[in-house]
Amino acid sequence: MKNYSTYEEKGLLALVAGGDEAAFHTLYSEHRDRVYNIALRLLQSASLAEDVLQEVFLKIWLGREKLPEINCFSAWLNTITRNHIYNTLRKQAYEELLLERLFPLQMATLRSTALDDISYRELREALQKVVATLTPQQKRVFELSRMEGLKHEDIARQLNVSRETVKKHVSEALRTVRLQLRQFRHIPELVLLLFFLN
């Protein structure tokens, strides 16, 4: 494999854009440490940093036709890496806030137990899958109610529907979420028990 220094940056990016896997491997080898170190510094987790590394370079490969337009690959790579990490953190914060709003007492109990991060992560992932199964209207109303904390009257006004329609969608969404969460057998029973108390 040739060293990156033997290529003009533009030439290397053009090769990758054309689907040259060897050129992509060169690009990956030359820049992997940069992406990994940024992710490690921001996430403080080697496994999460490794995930970011793989996801960022997958994104680069899938969008490779745009690479010749980039003037400074290193600066561009820093930007997309940071954006990817911030989007990941924002998504995690969204899911955690959703859990807090859905089950405030149970989440307080969950945090006070000796359950590990894996149980909590599994629960978050299960919730994300369940919310994705809601109808578009239910999902929108549910997010406005549980994530943004809007009252039923405010949601009705924003979506131009009746308050009763909003109430119905929220109720159906909550029932669906609670029922479907029970189907995720890999979530420890203690976690589910905490979530379905009361």
N, C-alpha and C. Protein backbone atom coordinates (compact mmCIF):
# COMPACT_ATOMS: atom_id res chain seq x y z
N MET A 1 0.84 -1.19 0.00
CA MET A 1 0.00 0.00 0.00
C MET A 1 0.88 1.25 0.00
N LYS A 2 0.53 2.19 -0.90
CA LYS A 2 1.32 3.42 -0.99
C LYS A 2 1.01 4.32 0.19
N ASN A 3 2.01 5.12 0.55
CA ASN A 3 1.79 6.08 1.61
C ASN A 3 0.95 7.23 1.08
N TYR A 4 0.16 7.83 1.99
CA TYR A 4 -0.69 8.95 1.62
C TYR A 4 0.13 10.09 1.04
N SER A 5 1.36 10.27 1.50
CA SER A 5 2.21 11.37 1.05
C SER A 5 2.54 11.28 -0.43
N THR A 6 2.38 10.12 -1.03
CA THR A 6 2.68 9.98 -2.46
C THR A 6 1.52 10.45 -3.33
N TYR A 7 0.41 10.75 -2.72
CA TYR A 7 -0.77 11.21 -3.46
C TYR A 7 -0.99 12.70 -3.24
N GLU A 8 -1.48 13.36 -4.24
CA GLU A 8 -2.07 14.67 -4.02
C GLU A 8 -3.40 14.40 -3.34
N GLU A 9 -3.76 15.22 -2.36
CA GLU A 9 -5.01 14.98 -1.66
C GLU A 9 -6.19 14.92 -2.62
N LYS A 10 -6.26 15.83 -3.55
CA LYS A 10 -7.36 15.85 -4.51
C LYS A 10 -7.38 14.58 -5.34
N GLY A 11 -6.18 14.12 -5.71
CA GLY A 11 -6.11 12.90 -6.52
C GLY A 11 -6.62 11.69 -5.76
N LEU A 12 -6.24 11.60 -4.48
CA LEU A 12 -6.69 10.49 -3.66
C LEU A 12 -8.21 10.52 -3.49
N LEU A 13 -8.75 11.72 -3.23
CA LEU A 13 -10.19 11.84 -3.05
C LEU A 13 -10.94 11.50 -4.34
N ALA A 14 -10.34 11.85 -5.47
CA ALA A 14 -10.96 11.53 -6.76
C ALA A 14 -11.00 10.02 -6.97
N LEU A 15 -9.93 9.34 -6.56
CA LEU A 15 -9.89 7.88 -6.68
C LEU A 15 -10.96 7.24 -5.81
N VAL A 16 -11.07 7.73 -4.59
CA VAL A 16 -12.10 7.19 -3.68
C VAL A 16 -13.48 7.46 -4.26
N ALA A 17 -13.69 8.67 -4.77
CA ALA A 17 -14.98 9.03 -5.36
C ALA A 17 -15.34 8.10 -6.51
N GLY A 18 -14.33 7.61 -7.20
CA GLY A 18 -14.55 6.68 -8.31
C GLY A 18 -14.75 5.24 -7.87
N GLY A 19 -14.71 4.99 -6.56
CA GLY A 19 -14.96 3.65 -6.05
C GLY A 19 -13.71 2.82 -5.83
N ASP A 20 -12.54 3.45 -5.83
CA ASP A 20 -11.28 2.73 -5.64
C ASP A 20 -11.13 2.34 -4.16
N GLU A 21 -11.30 1.06 -3.87
CA GLU A 21 -11.26 0.60 -2.48
C GLU A 21 -9.87 0.70 -1.87
N ALA A 22 -8.83 0.52 -2.67
CA ALA A 22 -7.47 0.64 -2.15
C ALA A 22 -7.20 2.09 -1.72
N ALA A 23 -7.68 3.04 -2.52
CA ALA A 23 -7.52 4.45 -2.17
C ALA A 23 -8.29 4.78 -0.90
N PHE A 24 -9.48 4.19 -0.77
CA PHE A 24 -10.28 4.41 0.44
C PHE A 24 -9.56 3.84 1.65
N HIS A 25 -8.95 2.68 1.49
CA HIS A 25 -8.21 2.07 2.59
C HIS A 25 -7.04 2.97 3.00
N THR A 26 -6.39 3.58 2.00
CA THR A 26 -5.30 4.52 2.28
C THR A 26 -5.81 5.72 3.07
N LEU A 27 -6.93 6.26 2.62
CA LEU A 27 -7.54 7.41 3.30
C LEU A 27 -7.91 7.04 4.73
N TYR A 28 -8.49 5.87 4.91
CA TYR A 28 -8.88 5.38 6.24
C TYR A 28 -7.66 5.23 7.14
N SER A 29 -6.62 4.58 6.62
CA SER A 29 -5.42 4.33 7.42
C SER A 29 -4.75 5.63 7.85
N GLU A 30 -4.78 6.60 6.96
CA GLU A 30 -4.11 7.86 7.25
C GLU A 30 -4.88 8.72 8.27
N HIS A 31 -6.20 8.59 8.28
CA HIS A 31 -7.01 9.51 9.09
C HIS A 31 -7.77 8.84 10.23
N ARG A 32 -7.67 7.52 10.37
CA ARG A 32 -8.46 6.82 11.39
C ARG A 32 -8.14 7.32 12.81
N ASP A 33 -6.85 7.56 13.09
CA ASP A 33 -6.46 8.00 14.43
C ASP A 33 -7.06 9.36 14.78
N ARG A 34 -7.15 10.24 13.78
CA ARG A 34 -7.72 11.57 14.01
C ARG A 34 -9.18 11.44 14.46
N VAL A 35 -9.95 10.64 13.73
CA VAL A 35 -11.38 10.47 14.06
C VAL A 35 -11.52 9.79 15.42
N TYR A 36 -10.75 8.73 15.64
CA TYR A 36 -10.84 7.99 16.90
C TYR A 36 -10.50 8.88 18.09
N ASN A 37 -9.45 9.67 17.97
CA ASN A 37 -9.02 10.52 19.09
C ASN A 37 -10.03 11.62 19.41
N ILE A 38 -10.64 12.20 18.37
CA ILE A 38 -11.68 13.22 18.61
C ILE A 38 -12.84 12.58 19.35
N ALA A 39 -13.27 11.39 18.87
CA ALA A 39 -14.40 10.69 19.49
C ALA A 39 -14.08 10.29 20.93
N LEU A 40 -12.88 9.80 21.14
CA LEU A 40 -12.49 9.37 22.49
C LEU A 40 -12.46 10.55 23.45
N ARG A 41 -11.96 11.68 22.98
CA ARG A 41 -11.89 12.87 23.83
C ARG A 41 -13.29 13.37 24.20
N LEU A 42 -14.21 13.32 23.25
CA LEU A 42 -15.55 13.85 23.51
C LEU A 42 -16.46 12.86 24.21
N LEU A 43 -16.28 11.56 23.95
CA LEU A 43 -17.19 10.56 24.50
C LEU A 43 -16.63 9.82 25.71
N GLN A 44 -15.30 9.89 25.90
CA GLN A 44 -14.67 9.21 27.04
C GLN A 44 -14.97 7.71 27.09
N SER A 45 -15.07 7.10 25.91
CA SER A 45 -15.36 5.67 25.84
C SER A 45 -14.70 5.09 24.60
N ALA A 46 -13.83 4.09 24.80
CA ALA A 46 -13.12 3.48 23.68
C ALA A 46 -14.09 2.77 22.73
N SER A 47 -15.08 2.08 23.28
CA SER A 47 -16.01 1.34 22.41
C SER A 47 -16.88 2.31 21.61
N LEU A 48 -17.33 3.41 22.23
CA LEU A 48 -18.12 4.39 21.50
C LEU A 48 -17.27 5.10 20.44
N ALA A 49 -16.00 5.35 20.77
CA ALA A 49 -15.09 5.99 19.81
C ALA A 49 -14.88 5.08 18.60
N GLU A 50 -14.79 3.78 18.84
CA GLU A 50 -14.64 2.82 17.74
C GLU A 50 -15.88 2.81 16.86
N ASP A 51 -17.05 2.89 17.50
CA ASP A 51 -18.31 2.96 16.73
C ASP A 51 -18.34 4.20 15.85
N VAL A 52 -17.94 5.34 16.42
CA VAL A 52 -17.93 6.59 15.66
C VAL A 52 -16.98 6.46 14.47
N LEU A 53 -15.82 5.89 14.70
CA LEU A 53 -14.84 5.70 13.62
C LEU A 53 -15.45 4.94 12.45
N GLN A 54 -16.10 3.83 12.76
CA GLN A 54 -16.71 3.01 11.71
C GLN A 54 -17.84 3.76 11.00
N GLU A 55 -18.68 4.44 11.78
CA GLU A 55 -19.83 5.13 11.21
C GLU A 55 -19.42 6.31 10.34
N VAL A 56 -18.39 7.05 10.77
CA VAL A 56 -17.94 8.21 9.99
C VAL A 56 -17.36 7.75 8.66
N PHE A 57 -16.53 6.71 8.68
CA PHE A 57 -15.95 6.27 7.41
C PHE A 57 -16.95 5.56 6.52
N LEU A 58 -17.96 4.95 7.11
CA LEU A 58 -19.04 4.39 6.29
C LEU A 58 -19.78 5.53 5.59
N LYS A 59 -20.03 6.61 6.34
CA LYS A 59 -20.69 7.78 5.77
C LYS A 59 -19.86 8.38 4.63
N ILE A 60 -18.54 8.42 4.82
CA ILE A 60 -17.66 8.94 3.77
C ILE A 60 -17.75 8.07 2.52
N TRP A 61 -17.72 6.75 2.71
CA TRP A 61 -17.75 5.84 1.56
C TRP A 61 -19.09 5.96 0.82
N LEU A 62 -20.18 6.02 1.57
CA LEU A 62 -21.51 6.08 0.94
C LEU A 62 -21.73 7.41 0.21
N GLY A 63 -21.05 8.47 0.68
CA GLY A 63 -21.19 9.77 0.03
C GLY A 63 -19.96 10.17 -0.75
N ARG A 64 -19.21 9.17 -1.20
CA ARG A 64 -17.89 9.41 -1.82
C ARG A 64 -17.91 10.26 -3.08
N GLU A 65 -19.04 10.31 -3.78
CA GLU A 65 -19.09 11.09 -5.03
C GLU A 65 -18.88 12.58 -4.78
N LYS A 66 -19.08 13.03 -3.53
CA LYS A 66 -18.91 14.45 -3.20
C LYS A 66 -17.48 14.80 -2.78
N LEU A 67 -16.63 13.79 -2.62
CA LEU A 67 -15.27 14.04 -2.11
C LEU A 67 -14.44 15.00 -2.96
N PRO A 68 -14.52 14.96 -4.31
CA PRO A 68 -13.69 15.89 -5.10
C PRO A 68 -14.00 17.36 -4.84
N GLU A 69 -15.17 17.66 -4.27
CA GLU A 69 -15.53 19.05 -3.99
C GLU A 69 -14.85 19.61 -2.73
N ILE A 70 -14.23 18.73 -1.94
CA ILE A 70 -13.65 19.14 -0.66
C ILE A 70 -12.26 19.74 -0.87
N ASN A 71 -12.05 20.92 -0.31
CA ASN A 71 -10.76 21.60 -0.47
C ASN A 71 -9.74 21.17 0.57
N CYS A 72 -10.18 20.99 1.81
CA CYS A 72 -9.27 20.56 2.87
C CYS A 72 -9.91 19.38 3.60
N PHE A 73 -9.47 18.18 3.25
CA PHE A 73 -10.12 16.98 3.78
C PHE A 73 -10.01 16.89 5.30
N SER A 74 -8.86 17.23 5.86
CA SER A 74 -8.67 17.12 7.32
C SER A 74 -9.66 17.99 8.08
N ALA A 75 -9.83 19.23 7.65
CA ALA A 75 -10.77 20.14 8.32
C ALA A 75 -12.19 19.63 8.15
N TRP A 76 -12.51 19.17 6.95
CA TRP A 76 -13.85 18.64 6.67
C TRP A 76 -14.12 17.40 7.53
N LEU A 77 -13.12 16.55 7.65
CA LEU A 77 -13.26 15.33 8.45
C LEU A 77 -13.48 15.67 9.93
N ASN A 78 -12.75 16.65 10.44
CA ASN A 78 -12.97 17.09 11.82
C ASN A 78 -14.42 17.53 12.03
N THR A 79 -14.93 18.30 11.06
CA THR A 79 -16.29 18.83 11.17
C THR A 79 -17.33 17.72 11.15
N ILE A 80 -17.22 16.79 10.19
CA ILE A 80 -18.26 15.74 10.13
C ILE A 80 -18.15 14.79 11.32
N THR A 81 -16.93 14.61 11.84
CA THR A 81 -16.78 13.75 13.02
C THR A 81 -17.46 14.38 14.22
N ARG A 82 -17.19 15.65 14.44
CA ARG A 82 -17.81 16.35 15.57
C ARG A 82 -19.34 16.41 15.42
N ASN A 83 -19.81 16.68 14.20
CA ASN A 83 -21.25 16.73 13.97
C ASN A 83 -21.90 15.38 14.24
N HIS A 84 -21.23 14.32 13.82
CA HIS A 84 -21.76 12.97 14.05
C HIS A 84 -21.84 12.69 15.56
N ILE A 85 -20.80 13.06 16.28
CA ILE A 85 -20.78 12.84 17.73
C ILE A 85 -21.87 13.66 18.41
N TYR A 86 -22.01 14.93 18.03
CA TYR A 86 -23.03 15.78 18.65
C TYR A 86 -24.43 15.25 18.35
N ASN A 87 -24.64 14.78 17.12
CA ASN A 87 -25.95 14.20 16.77
C ASN A 87 -26.22 12.95 17.60
N THR A 88 -25.19 12.14 17.81
CA THR A 88 -25.33 10.93 18.63
C THR A 88 -25.68 11.31 20.06
N LEU A 89 -24.98 12.29 20.62
CA LEU A 89 -25.25 12.73 21.99
C LEU A 89 -26.64 13.35 22.12
N ARG A 90 -27.05 14.12 21.09
CA ARG A 90 -28.37 14.73 21.10
C ARG A 90 -29.45 13.65 21.08
N LYS A 91 -29.23 12.62 20.28
CA LYS A 91 -30.18 11.52 20.19
C LYS A 91 -30.28 10.78 21.53
N GLN A 92 -29.13 10.56 22.17
CA GLN A 92 -29.14 9.90 23.48
C GLN A 92 -29.87 10.74 24.50
N ALA A 93 -29.62 12.05 24.47
CA ALA A 93 -30.28 12.95 25.42
C ALA A 93 -31.79 12.94 25.19
N TYR A 94 -32.19 12.91 23.93
CA TYR A 94 -33.62 12.85 23.57
C TYR A 94 -34.25 11.60 24.15
N GLU A 95 -33.59 10.47 23.98
CA GLU A 95 -34.14 9.20 24.47
C GLU A 95 -34.21 9.18 25.99
N GLU A 96 -33.19 9.72 26.64
CA GLU A 96 -33.18 9.73 28.10
C GLU A 96 -34.28 10.65 28.64
N LEU A 97 -34.46 11.80 27.97
CA LEU A 97 -35.51 12.71 28.39
C LEU A 97 -36.88 12.07 28.20
N LEU A 98 -37.04 11.34 27.10
CA LEU A 98 -38.30 10.65 26.84
C LEU A 98 -38.58 9.62 27.94
N LEU A 99 -37.57 8.88 28.33
CA LEU A 99 -37.74 7.91 29.41
C LEU A 99 -38.10 8.62 30.72
N GLU A 100 -37.45 9.74 30.97
CA GLU A 100 -37.72 10.50 32.20
C GLU A 100 -39.17 10.98 32.22
N ARG A 101 -39.65 11.44 31.07
CA ARG A 101 -41.01 11.98 31.02
C ARG A 101 -42.05 10.86 31.06
N LEU A 102 -41.70 9.71 30.49
CA LEU A 102 -42.63 8.58 30.50
C LEU A 102 -42.75 7.95 31.88
N PHE A 103 -41.59 7.74 32.50
CA PHE A 103 -41.55 6.99 33.76
C PHE A 103 -40.67 7.70 34.79
N PRO A 104 -41.04 8.90 35.25
CA PRO A 104 -40.14 9.65 36.14
C PRO A 104 -39.79 8.92 37.43
N LEU A 105 -40.79 8.34 38.09
CA LEU A 105 -40.51 7.65 39.36
C LEU A 105 -39.67 6.39 39.14
N GLN A 106 -40.00 5.67 38.08
CA GLN A 106 -39.26 4.44 37.80
C GLN A 106 -37.81 4.73 37.41
N MET A 107 -37.60 5.84 36.67
CA MET A 107 -36.22 6.18 36.28
C MET A 107 -35.40 6.56 37.49
N ALA A 108 -36.01 7.24 38.45
CA ALA A 108 -35.29 7.60 39.69
C ALA A 108 -34.91 6.32 40.43
N THR A 109 -35.84 5.37 40.47
CA THR A 109 -35.57 4.10 41.14
C THR A 109 -34.49 3.33 40.38
N LEU A 110 -34.60 3.33 39.06
CA LEU A 110 -33.63 2.62 38.24
C LEU A 110 -32.22 3.14 38.48
N ARG A 111 -32.09 4.47 38.57
CA ARG A 111 -30.76 5.05 38.77
C ARG A 111 -30.22 4.76 40.17
N SER A 112 -31.12 4.51 41.11
CA SER A 112 -30.67 4.27 42.48
C SER A 112 -30.35 2.80 42.74
N THR A 113 -30.61 1.94 41.76
CA THR A 113 -30.31 0.52 41.92
C THR A 113 -28.91 0.23 41.40
N ALA A 114 -28.50 -1.03 41.54
CA ALA A 114 -27.17 -1.42 41.08
C ALA A 114 -27.17 -1.90 39.65
N LEU A 115 -28.26 -1.63 38.88
CA LEU A 115 -28.31 -2.07 37.49
C LEU A 115 -27.22 -1.38 36.69
N ASP A 116 -26.64 -2.10 35.74
CA ASP A 116 -25.54 -1.53 34.98
C ASP A 116 -26.02 -0.73 33.78
N ASP A 117 -25.08 -0.06 33.11
CA ASP A 117 -25.40 0.78 31.96
C ASP A 117 -25.99 -0.01 30.82
N ILE A 118 -25.63 -1.30 30.73
CA ILE A 118 -26.13 -2.13 29.63
C ILE A 118 -27.65 -2.25 29.71
N SER A 119 -28.18 -2.46 30.92
CA SER A 119 -29.63 -2.58 31.09
C SER A 119 -30.31 -1.29 30.66
N TYR A 120 -29.74 -0.17 31.07
CA TYR A 120 -30.33 1.12 30.74
C TYR A 120 -30.28 1.36 29.23
N ARG A 121 -29.15 1.01 28.60
CA ARG A 121 -29.00 1.18 27.15
C ARG A 121 -29.98 0.30 26.40
N GLU A 122 -30.16 -0.95 26.86
CA GLU A 122 -31.11 -1.86 26.22
C GLU A 122 -32.52 -1.29 26.29
N LEU A 123 -32.84 -0.71 27.42
CA LEU A 123 -34.16 -0.13 27.60
C LEU A 123 -34.36 1.04 26.64
N ARG A 124 -33.35 1.89 26.52
CA ARG A 124 -33.43 3.03 25.60
C ARG A 124 -33.61 2.57 24.17
N GLU A 125 -32.83 1.54 23.76
CA GLU A 125 -32.93 1.04 22.40
C GLU A 125 -34.30 0.44 22.13
N ALA A 126 -34.83 -0.28 23.11
CA ALA A 126 -36.17 -0.87 22.96
C ALA A 126 -37.21 0.23 22.81
N LEU A 127 -37.11 1.28 23.61
CA LEU A 127 -38.05 2.38 23.54
C LEU A 127 -38.00 3.05 22.17
N GLN A 128 -36.80 3.24 21.66
CA GLN A 128 -36.64 3.86 20.35
C GLN A 128 -37.36 3.04 19.27
N LYS A 129 -37.21 1.72 19.34
CA LYS A 129 -37.87 0.84 18.36
C LYS A 129 -39.38 0.92 18.49
N VAL A 130 -39.87 0.97 19.70
CA VAL A 130 -41.32 1.02 19.92
C VAL A 130 -41.90 2.34 19.41
N VAL A 131 -41.27 3.46 19.75
CA VAL A 131 -41.76 4.77 19.32
C VAL A 131 -41.80 4.85 17.80
N ALA A 132 -40.86 4.19 17.14
CA ALA A 132 -40.82 4.19 15.68
C ALA A 132 -42.02 3.47 15.06
N THR A 133 -42.71 2.63 15.84
CA THR A 133 -43.86 1.89 15.31
C THR A 133 -45.16 2.69 15.41
N LEU A 134 -45.14 3.82 16.11
CA LEU A 134 -46.35 4.63 16.24
C LEU A 134 -46.73 5.22 14.88
N THR A 135 -48.00 5.52 14.71
CA THR A 135 -48.41 6.20 13.48
C THR A 135 -47.76 7.59 13.47
N PRO A 136 -47.59 8.18 12.29
CA PRO A 136 -46.96 9.50 12.23
C PRO A 136 -47.64 10.53 13.13
N GLN A 137 -48.97 10.53 13.16
CA GLN A 137 -49.69 11.50 13.99
C GLN A 137 -49.49 11.22 15.47
N GLN A 138 -49.56 9.94 15.85
CA GLN A 138 -49.34 9.57 17.24
C GLN A 138 -47.93 9.96 17.68
N LYS A 139 -46.97 9.67 16.81
CA LYS A 139 -45.57 9.96 17.14
C LYS A 139 -45.36 11.46 17.34
N ARG A 140 -45.94 12.25 16.44
CA ARG A 140 -45.77 13.71 16.53
C ARG A 140 -46.40 14.25 17.82
N VAL A 141 -47.63 13.82 18.09
CA VAL A 141 -48.32 14.27 19.30
C VAL A 141 -47.58 13.80 20.54
N PHE A 142 -47.13 12.55 20.51
CA PHE A 142 -46.40 11.97 21.63
C PHE A 142 -45.13 12.76 21.93
N GLU A 143 -44.38 13.11 20.88
CA GLU A 143 -43.13 13.86 21.07
C GLU A 143 -43.41 15.27 21.60
N LEU A 144 -44.44 15.92 21.06
CA LEU A 144 -44.78 17.26 21.54
C LEU A 144 -45.20 17.23 23.00
N SER A 145 -45.93 16.18 23.37
CA SER A 145 -46.41 16.05 24.75
C SER A 145 -45.30 15.63 25.70
N ARG A 146 -44.60 14.55 25.36
CA ARG A 146 -43.65 13.97 26.29
C ARG A 146 -42.25 14.57 26.18
N MET A 147 -41.86 15.02 25.00
CA MET A 147 -40.50 15.55 24.84
C MET A 147 -40.45 17.06 25.04
N GLU A 148 -41.43 17.75 24.44
CA GLU A 148 -41.40 19.20 24.52
C GLU A 148 -42.25 19.74 25.67
N GLY A 149 -43.01 18.84 26.31
CA GLY A 149 -43.78 19.21 27.49
C GLY A 149 -44.96 20.13 27.22
N LEU A 150 -45.46 20.11 25.97
CA LEU A 150 -46.59 20.98 25.64
C LEU A 150 -47.89 20.41 26.23
N LYS A 151 -48.80 21.31 26.59
CA LYS A 151 -50.11 20.89 27.07
C LYS A 151 -50.96 20.48 25.87
N HIS A 152 -52.01 19.70 26.16
CA HIS A 152 -52.88 19.23 25.09
C HIS A 152 -53.47 20.37 24.27
N GLU A 153 -53.84 21.45 24.94
CA GLU A 153 -54.41 22.61 24.23
C GLU A 153 -53.40 23.21 23.25
N ASP A 154 -52.14 23.31 23.68
CA ASP A 154 -51.10 23.89 22.82
C ASP A 154 -50.82 23.00 21.62
N ILE A 155 -50.81 21.68 21.85
CA ILE A 155 -50.58 20.74 20.75
C ILE A 155 -51.73 20.82 19.75
N ALA A 156 -52.96 20.86 20.28
CA ALA A 156 -54.14 20.94 19.41
C ALA A 156 -54.07 22.18 18.53
N ARG A 157 -53.68 23.31 19.13
CA ARG A 157 -53.58 24.55 18.38
C ARG A 157 -52.48 24.46 17.32
N GLN A 158 -51.33 23.89 17.70
CA GLN A 158 -50.19 23.79 16.78
C GLN A 158 -50.49 22.87 15.60
N LEU A 159 -51.20 21.76 15.87
CA LEU A 159 -51.49 20.79 14.81
C LEU A 159 -52.86 20.99 14.15
N ASN A 160 -53.58 21.99 14.66
CA ASN A 160 -54.90 22.30 14.11
C ASN A 160 -55.86 21.10 14.21
N VAL A 161 -55.88 20.49 15.39
CA VAL A 161 -56.80 19.39 15.69
C VAL A 161 -57.46 19.69 17.02
N SER A 162 -58.45 18.88 17.38
CA SER A 162 -59.14 19.11 18.65
C SER A 162 -58.32 18.61 19.83
N ARG A 163 -58.63 19.15 21.00
CA ARG A 163 -57.95 18.71 22.23
C ARG A 163 -58.23 17.23 22.48
N GLU A 164 -59.45 16.80 22.18
CA GLU A 164 -59.81 15.39 22.38
C GLU A 164 -59.00 14.48 21.46
N THR A 165 -58.71 14.94 20.25
CA THR A 165 -57.88 14.16 19.32
C THR A 165 -56.47 14.00 19.88
N VAL A 166 -55.94 15.09 20.42
CA VAL A 166 -54.61 15.04 21.02
C VAL A 166 -54.60 14.07 22.19
N LYS A 167 -55.60 14.20 23.07
CA LYS A 167 -55.68 13.33 24.24
C LYS A 167 -55.75 11.86 23.81
N LYS A 168 -56.52 11.57 22.78
CA LYS A 168 -56.67 10.20 22.27
C LYS A 168 -55.33 9.68 21.75
N HIS A 169 -54.63 10.50 20.96
CA HIS A 169 -53.34 10.07 20.40
C HIS A 169 -52.31 9.81 21.50
N VAL A 170 -52.25 10.69 22.49
CA VAL A 170 -51.29 10.52 23.58
C VAL A 170 -51.61 9.24 24.35
N SER A 171 -52.88 9.03 24.64
CA SER A 171 -53.29 7.85 25.38
C SER A 171 -52.96 6.56 24.63
N GLU A 172 -53.25 6.54 23.34
CA GLU A 172 -52.97 5.36 22.52
C GLU A 172 -51.47 5.11 22.41
N ALA A 173 -50.72 6.20 22.25
CA ALA A 173 -49.26 6.07 22.13
C ALA A 173 -48.66 5.51 23.41
N LEU A 174 -49.10 6.02 24.56
CA LEU A 174 -48.59 5.53 25.84
C LEU A 174 -48.92 4.06 26.04
N ARG A 175 -50.14 3.68 25.68
CA ARG A 175 -50.53 2.28 25.82
C ARG A 175 -49.67 1.39 24.92
N THR A 176 -49.46 1.83 23.68
CA THR A 176 -48.63 1.06 22.74
C THR A 176 -47.21 0.92 23.26
N VAL A 177 -46.64 2.02 23.73
CA VAL A 177 -45.26 1.99 24.23
C VAL A 177 -45.14 1.02 25.41
N ARG A 178 -46.05 1.13 26.36
CA ARG A 178 -45.96 0.27 27.55
C ARG A 178 -46.16 -1.20 27.19
N LEU A 179 -47.13 -1.49 26.32
CA LEU A 179 -47.39 -2.88 25.96
C LEU A 179 -46.23 -3.48 25.15
N GLN A 180 -45.73 -2.71 24.20
CA GLN A 180 -44.69 -3.26 23.34
C GLN A 180 -43.35 -3.40 24.05
N LEU A 181 -43.09 -2.57 25.03
CA LEU A 181 -41.84 -2.70 25.77
C LEU A 181 -41.77 -4.07 26.46
N ARG A 182 -42.92 -4.62 26.79
CA ARG A 182 -42.94 -5.93 27.45
C ARG A 182 -42.44 -7.04 26.52
N GLN A 183 -42.48 -6.80 25.22
CA GLN A 183 -42.10 -7.84 24.26
C GLN A 183 -40.58 -8.00 24.13
N PHE A 184 -39.82 -7.05 24.64
CA PHE A 184 -38.37 -7.11 24.52
C PHE A 184 -37.82 -7.98 25.63
N ARG A 185 -37.70 -9.27 25.34
CA ARG A 185 -37.33 -10.26 26.35
C ARG A 185 -35.90 -10.09 26.86
N HIS A 186 -35.05 -9.42 26.05
CA HIS A 186 -33.64 -9.27 26.47
C HIS A 186 -33.47 -8.23 27.56
N ILE A 187 -34.52 -7.43 27.83
CA ILE A 187 -34.42 -6.45 28.90
C ILE A 187 -34.65 -7.16 30.23
N PRO A 188 -33.75 -6.99 31.17
CA PRO A 188 -33.89 -7.68 32.46
C PRO A 188 -35.26 -7.45 33.09
N GLU A 189 -35.80 -8.49 33.72
CA GLU A 189 -37.13 -8.40 34.32
C GLU A 189 -37.21 -7.29 35.35
N LEU A 190 -36.14 -7.08 36.09
CA LEU A 190 -36.17 -6.04 37.12
C LEU A 190 -36.41 -4.67 36.49
N VAL A 191 -35.80 -4.44 35.32
CA VAL A 191 -36.00 -3.15 34.64
C VAL A 191 -37.46 -2.99 34.27
N LEU A 192 -38.04 -4.03 33.67
CA LEU A 192 -39.44 -3.95 33.29
C LEU A 192 -40.33 -3.77 34.51
N LEU A 193 -40.01 -4.47 35.59
CA LEU A 193 -40.80 -4.35 36.80
C LEU A 193 -40.80 -2.91 37.28
N LEU A 194 -39.64 -2.27 37.27
CA LEU A 194 -39.56 -0.89 37.70
C LEU A 194 -40.41 0.01 36.82
N PHE A 195 -40.46 -0.30 35.52
CA PHE A 195 -41.19 0.54 34.58
C PHE A 195 -42.69 0.37 34.67
N PHE A 196 -43.14 -0.75 35.17
CA PHE A 196 -44.57 -0.99 35.18
C PHE A 196 -45.17 -0.96 36.58
N LEU A 197 -44.40 -0.46 37.53
CA LEU A 197 -44.97 -0.24 38.86
C LEU A 197 -46.05 0.83 38.77
N ASN A 198 -47.10 0.67 39.51
CA ASN A 198 -48.22 1.63 39.56
C ASN A 198 -48.99 1.63 38.27
